[in-house]
């Protein structure tokens, strides 16, 4: 579906309110794992960093942390704001990386596997890190688009750098790659540590979560699916 072009908001208020009004005018949702880059105007990410910094300073004060005399926390609010907007949540605020697509001139139709790709995300429940590995399996056809190996990493990173849950993250990655590559089949498996379990709550340092998405021929062909799962050797470090 074609995205609506952002309407310039000339009214005042915090930058977050201006961005939110544009989304609401378009009837768009803005969940934690949605990309909203198309409604952000030049210079507004810098404004957003400043706004988040001010609000983070208020959080530190509510936690009764003296940021005036504690040299370790004097610039914590600014550092955290830059980290959220420019690094760990940048997949919300920046457009998808440019990916050059090439026709499948040689009509390749054999199993391709990319991985393990190191992935870093954050749980939208507690904003704790999710760190793990991801494998991508593809069955191209003569009409498929071929993209460079590094682009799988860049596209995956763009999806993962948002607050979310693992199940939805790999579904979004699958939808993006199906649209970009147009293969006969696609498989994604992700294995990750969730620090909302390691760091808090049950504090189980060994528990991991593994889930998968299968599309097209990987869903229909049990032999192909077994070949993919066998080749990635999940849990062996391969």
Protein backbone atom coordinates (compact mmCIF):
# COMPACT_ATOMS: atom_id res chain seq x y z
CA UNK A 1 0.00 0.00 0.00
CA UNK A 2 1.42 3.41 -0.96
CA UNK A 3 2.39 5.51 2.04
CA UNK A 4 0.84 8.93 2.38
CA UNK A 5 3.20 11.86 2.17
CA UNK A 6 3.68 13.71 5.44
CA UNK A 7 1.88 17.06 5.73
CA UNK A 8 4.16 19.72 7.18
CA UNK A 9 3.12 20.66 10.70
CA UNK A 10 3.68 24.35 11.29
CA UNK A 11 2.14 24.40 14.78
CA UNK A 12 4.30 24.45 17.89
CA UNK A 13 4.76 22.06 20.74
CA UNK A 14 7.28 19.32 21.41
CA UNK A 15 8.54 17.51 18.32
CA UNK A 16 7.00 14.24 19.52
CA UNK A 17 3.56 15.88 19.49
CA UNK A 18 4.07 17.21 15.97
CA UNK A 19 5.09 13.77 14.69
CA UNK A 20 2.21 12.12 16.53
CA UNK A 21 -0.32 14.55 15.00
CA UNK A 22 0.88 13.72 11.48
CA UNK A 23 0.45 10.00 12.15
CA UNK A 24 -3.00 10.53 13.60
CA UNK A 25 -4.11 12.66 10.65
CA UNK A 26 -3.15 9.77 8.35
CA UNK A 27 -4.94 7.24 10.56
CA UNK A 28 -1.62 5.47 11.03
CA UNK A 29 -0.67 3.33 13.99
CA UNK A 30 2.66 3.96 15.68
CA UNK A 31 3.36 0.85 17.71
CA UNK A 32 6.81 0.30 19.17
CA UNK A 33 7.94 -1.83 16.21
CA UNK A 34 6.49 0.38 13.45
CA UNK A 35 8.70 2.46 11.18
CA UNK A 36 7.58 6.11 11.16
CA UNK A 37 10.46 7.63 9.18
CA UNK A 38 8.23 9.00 6.41
CA UNK A 39 6.55 11.51 8.76
CA UNK A 40 9.78 12.80 10.29
CA UNK A 41 11.06 16.02 8.76
CA UNK A 42 14.72 17.11 8.38
CA UNK A 43 16.22 18.17 11.69
CA UNK A 44 13.49 16.61 13.81
CA UNK A 45 15.57 13.65 14.97
CA UNK A 46 17.97 16.09 16.64
CA UNK A 47 14.98 17.75 18.29
CA UNK A 48 13.69 14.35 19.38
CA UNK A 49 17.03 13.53 21.01
CA UNK A 50 16.83 16.78 22.97
CA UNK A 51 13.24 16.13 24.03
CA UNK A 52 13.98 12.55 25.13
CA UNK A 53 17.04 13.82 27.00
CA UNK A 54 14.89 16.23 29.01
CA UNK A 55 12.35 13.55 29.84
CA UNK A 56 15.09 11.09 30.78
CA UNK A 57 16.55 13.68 33.12
CA UNK A 58 13.15 13.81 34.85
CA UNK A 59 13.20 10.01 35.18
CA UNK A 60 16.63 10.15 36.85
CA UNK A 61 15.38 12.80 39.23
CA UNK A 62 12.33 10.67 40.07
CA UNK A 63 14.73 7.82 40.84
CA UNK A 64 16.39 10.19 43.35
CA UNK A 65 19.72 10.21 41.50
CA UNK A 66 21.75 13.37 42.08
CA UNK A 67 23.06 14.09 38.61
CA UNK A 68 24.59 17.41 39.70
CA UNK A 69 27.19 16.05 42.10
CA UNK A 70 27.47 12.49 40.74
CA UNK A 71 30.05 12.80 37.97
CA UNK A 72 29.04 9.37 36.58
CA UNK A 73 25.48 10.47 35.77
CA UNK A 74 25.88 14.13 34.82
CA UNK A 75 25.41 13.40 31.10
CA UNK A 76 23.50 10.14 31.39
CA UNK A 77 20.21 11.61 30.15
CA UNK A 78 21.83 12.86 26.94
CA UNK A 79 23.69 9.60 26.37
CA UNK A 80 20.56 7.51 26.84
CA UNK A 81 18.54 9.76 24.52
CA UNK A 82 21.12 9.50 21.74
CA UNK A 83 21.34 5.74 22.26
CA UNK A 84 17.57 5.25 21.95
CA UNK A 85 16.96 7.50 18.95
CA UNK A 86 20.21 7.12 16.99
CA UNK A 87 21.20 3.54 17.81
CA UNK A 88 19.06 0.85 19.42
CA UNK A 89 15.66 2.15 18.16
CA UNK A 90 16.86 3.71 14.89
CA UNK A 91 14.83 1.21 12.86
CA UNK A 92 11.75 3.21 13.88
CA UNK A 93 13.07 6.58 12.78
CA UNK A 94 15.23 5.92 9.71
CA UNK A 95 14.08 4.67 6.28
CA UNK A 96 15.03 1.23 5.04
CA UNK A 97 18.60 0.92 3.75
CA UNK A 98 19.02 1.19 0.01
CA UNK A 99 19.18 -2.26 -1.58
CA UNK A 100 20.17 -2.82 -5.20
CA UNK A 101 18.27 -5.74 -6.72
CA UNK A 102 19.58 -7.78 -9.65
CA UNK A 103 17.62 -10.13 -11.91
CA UNK A 104 18.25 -13.85 -11.54
CA UNK A 105 19.98 -14.07 -14.94
CA UNK A 106 21.31 -17.59 -14.35
CA UNK A 107 17.92 -18.79 -13.08
CA UNK A 108 19.35 -20.06 -9.82
CA UNK A 109 16.88 -22.35 -8.05
CA UNK A 110 18.89 -24.05 -5.30
CA UNK A 111 18.71 -23.53 -1.56
CA UNK A 112 20.58 -20.45 -0.29
CA UNK A 113 21.34 -19.89 3.39
CA UNK A 114 22.59 -16.68 5.01
CA UNK A 115 23.69 -16.77 8.62
CA UNK A 116 24.17 -16.82 11.43
CA UNK A 117 23.49 -13.09 11.52
CA UNK A 118 24.02 -11.49 14.92
CA UNK A 119 20.87 -9.61 15.90
CA UNK A 120 20.30 -7.06 18.64
CA UNK A 121 16.90 -5.78 19.63
CA UNK A 122 14.96 -4.75 22.73
CA UNK A 123 11.93 -6.23 24.43
CA UNK A 124 9.00 -3.83 24.21
CA UNK A 125 7.75 -5.00 27.62
CA UNK A 126 10.79 -3.93 29.67
CA UNK A 127 13.14 -2.33 27.09
CA UNK A 128 15.73 -4.97 27.98
CA UNK A 129 18.15 -6.31 25.34
CA UNK A 130 17.37 -9.24 23.05
CA UNK A 131 20.61 -10.60 21.58
CA UNK A 132 20.90 -13.65 19.39
CA UNK A 133 21.44 -15.19 15.97
CA UNK A 134 19.28 -15.46 12.88
CA UNK A 135 19.42 -17.66 9.78
CA UNK A 136 17.72 -16.98 6.46
CA UNK A 137 16.93 -19.69 3.90
CA UNK A 138 15.84 -18.82 0.36
CA UNK A 139 14.60 -20.79 -2.64
CA UNK A 140 14.91 -18.41 -5.58
CA UNK A 141 13.18 -18.79 -8.91
CA UNK A 142 13.80 -17.30 -12.36
CA UNK A 143 11.72 -14.23 -11.42
CA UNK A 144 13.48 -13.62 -8.10
CA UNK A 145 15.58 -10.57 -7.35
CA UNK A 146 19.09 -11.20 -6.06
CA UNK A 147 20.63 -8.93 -3.44
CA UNK A 148 24.12 -8.83 -1.94
CA UNK A 149 24.86 -10.86 1.19
CA UNK A 150 25.55 -7.74 3.26
CA UNK A 151 22.08 -6.43 2.41
CA UNK A 152 20.45 -9.31 4.28
CA UNK A 153 22.35 -8.14 7.36
CA UNK A 154 21.41 -4.49 6.82
CA UNK A 155 17.71 -5.23 6.28
CA UNK A 156 17.61 -7.54 9.29
CA UNK A 157 19.28 -4.91 11.45
CA UNK A 158 16.75 -2.29 10.29
CA UNK A 159 13.90 -4.53 11.44
CA UNK A 160 15.56 -5.52 14.71
CA UNK A 161 16.52 -2.05 15.93
CA UNK A 162 13.07 -1.41 17.37
CA UNK A 163 11.37 -2.32 20.66
CA UNK A 164 9.40 -5.50 19.99
CA UNK A 165 8.84 -9.16 20.71
CA UNK A 166 10.84 -11.83 18.92
CA UNK A 167 7.82 -13.50 17.30
CA UNK A 168 6.76 -10.29 15.54
CA UNK A 169 10.31 -9.30 14.62
CA UNK A 170 11.02 -12.32 12.42
CA UNK A 171 7.55 -12.07 10.86
CA UNK A 172 8.36 -8.49 9.82
CA UNK A 173 11.73 -9.64 8.47
CA UNK A 174 10.04 -12.38 6.46
CA UNK A 175 7.51 -9.97 4.93
CA UNK A 176 10.28 -7.53 3.98
CA UNK A 177 12.48 -10.19 2.35
CA UNK A 178 9.56 -11.81 0.51
CA UNK A 179 8.77 -8.42 -1.02
CA UNK A 180 12.40 -7.61 -1.88
CA UNK A 181 13.52 -10.99 -3.26
CA UNK A 182 10.26 -12.62 -4.43
CA UNK A 183 11.49 -16.19 -3.86
CA UNK A 184 9.55 -19.45 -4.13
CA UNK A 185 10.15 -19.96 -0.43
CA UNK A 186 11.70 -18.31 2.57
CA UNK A 187 12.63 -19.57 6.03
CA UNK A 188 13.86 -17.61 9.03
CA UNK A 189 14.99 -19.08 12.34
CA UNK A 190 16.03 -16.93 15.29
CA UNK A 191 17.60 -18.00 18.58
CA UNK A 192 18.04 -15.30 21.21
CA UNK A 193 18.75 -14.47 24.83
CA UNK A 194 16.18 -12.23 26.50
CA UNK A 195 17.58 -10.07 29.26
CA UNK A 196 14.10 -9.48 30.66
CA UNK A 197 14.57 -13.10 31.86
CA UNK A 198 18.32 -13.00 32.56
CA UNK A 199 18.51 -9.65 34.33
CA UNK A 200 15.19 -9.52 36.17
CA UNK A 201 12.18 -11.70 36.99
CA UNK A 202 13.18 -15.37 37.09
CA UNK A 203 16.86 -14.46 36.41
CA UNK A 204 17.46 -17.61 34.37
CA UNK A 205 20.77 -17.08 32.59
CA UNK A 206 20.52 -20.16 30.35
CA UNK A 207 17.03 -19.91 28.86
CA UNK A 208 16.82 -18.96 25.18
CA UNK A 209 13.92 -18.51 22.81
CA UNK A 210 13.93 -20.08 19.34
CA UNK A 211 11.23 -19.53 16.75
CA UNK A 212 10.80 -19.74 13.01
CA UNK A 213 8.80 -18.45 10.07
CA UNK A 214 8.32 -20.58 6.96
CA UNK A 215 6.85 -19.26 3.72
CA UNK A 216 6.10 -20.81 0.34
CA UNK A 217 8.04 -23.96 -0.51
CA UNK A 218 9.56 -24.20 2.98
CA UNK A 219 6.06 -24.46 4.38
CA UNK A 220 4.86 -27.04 1.85
CA UNK A 221 7.98 -29.16 1.30
CA UNK A 222 8.97 -31.10 4.43
CA UNK A 223 12.19 -32.32 2.80
CA UNK A 224 13.34 -28.80 2.01
CA UNK A 225 12.50 -27.65 5.51
CA UNK A 226 14.48 -30.53 7.04
CA UNK A 227 17.46 -29.76 4.78
CA UNK A 228 17.49 -26.13 5.88
CA UNK A 229 17.21 -26.97 9.59
CA UNK A 230 19.91 -29.60 9.25
CA UNK A 231 22.34 -27.27 7.49
CA UNK A 232 22.07 -24.43 9.99
CA UNK A 233 22.94 -26.83 12.84
CA UNK A 234 21.09 -24.77 15.42
CA UNK A 235 22.74 -24.71 18.80
CA UNK A 236 26.10 -26.01 17.55
CA UNK A 237 27.58 -22.61 16.82
CA UNK A 238 27.52 -23.34 13.06
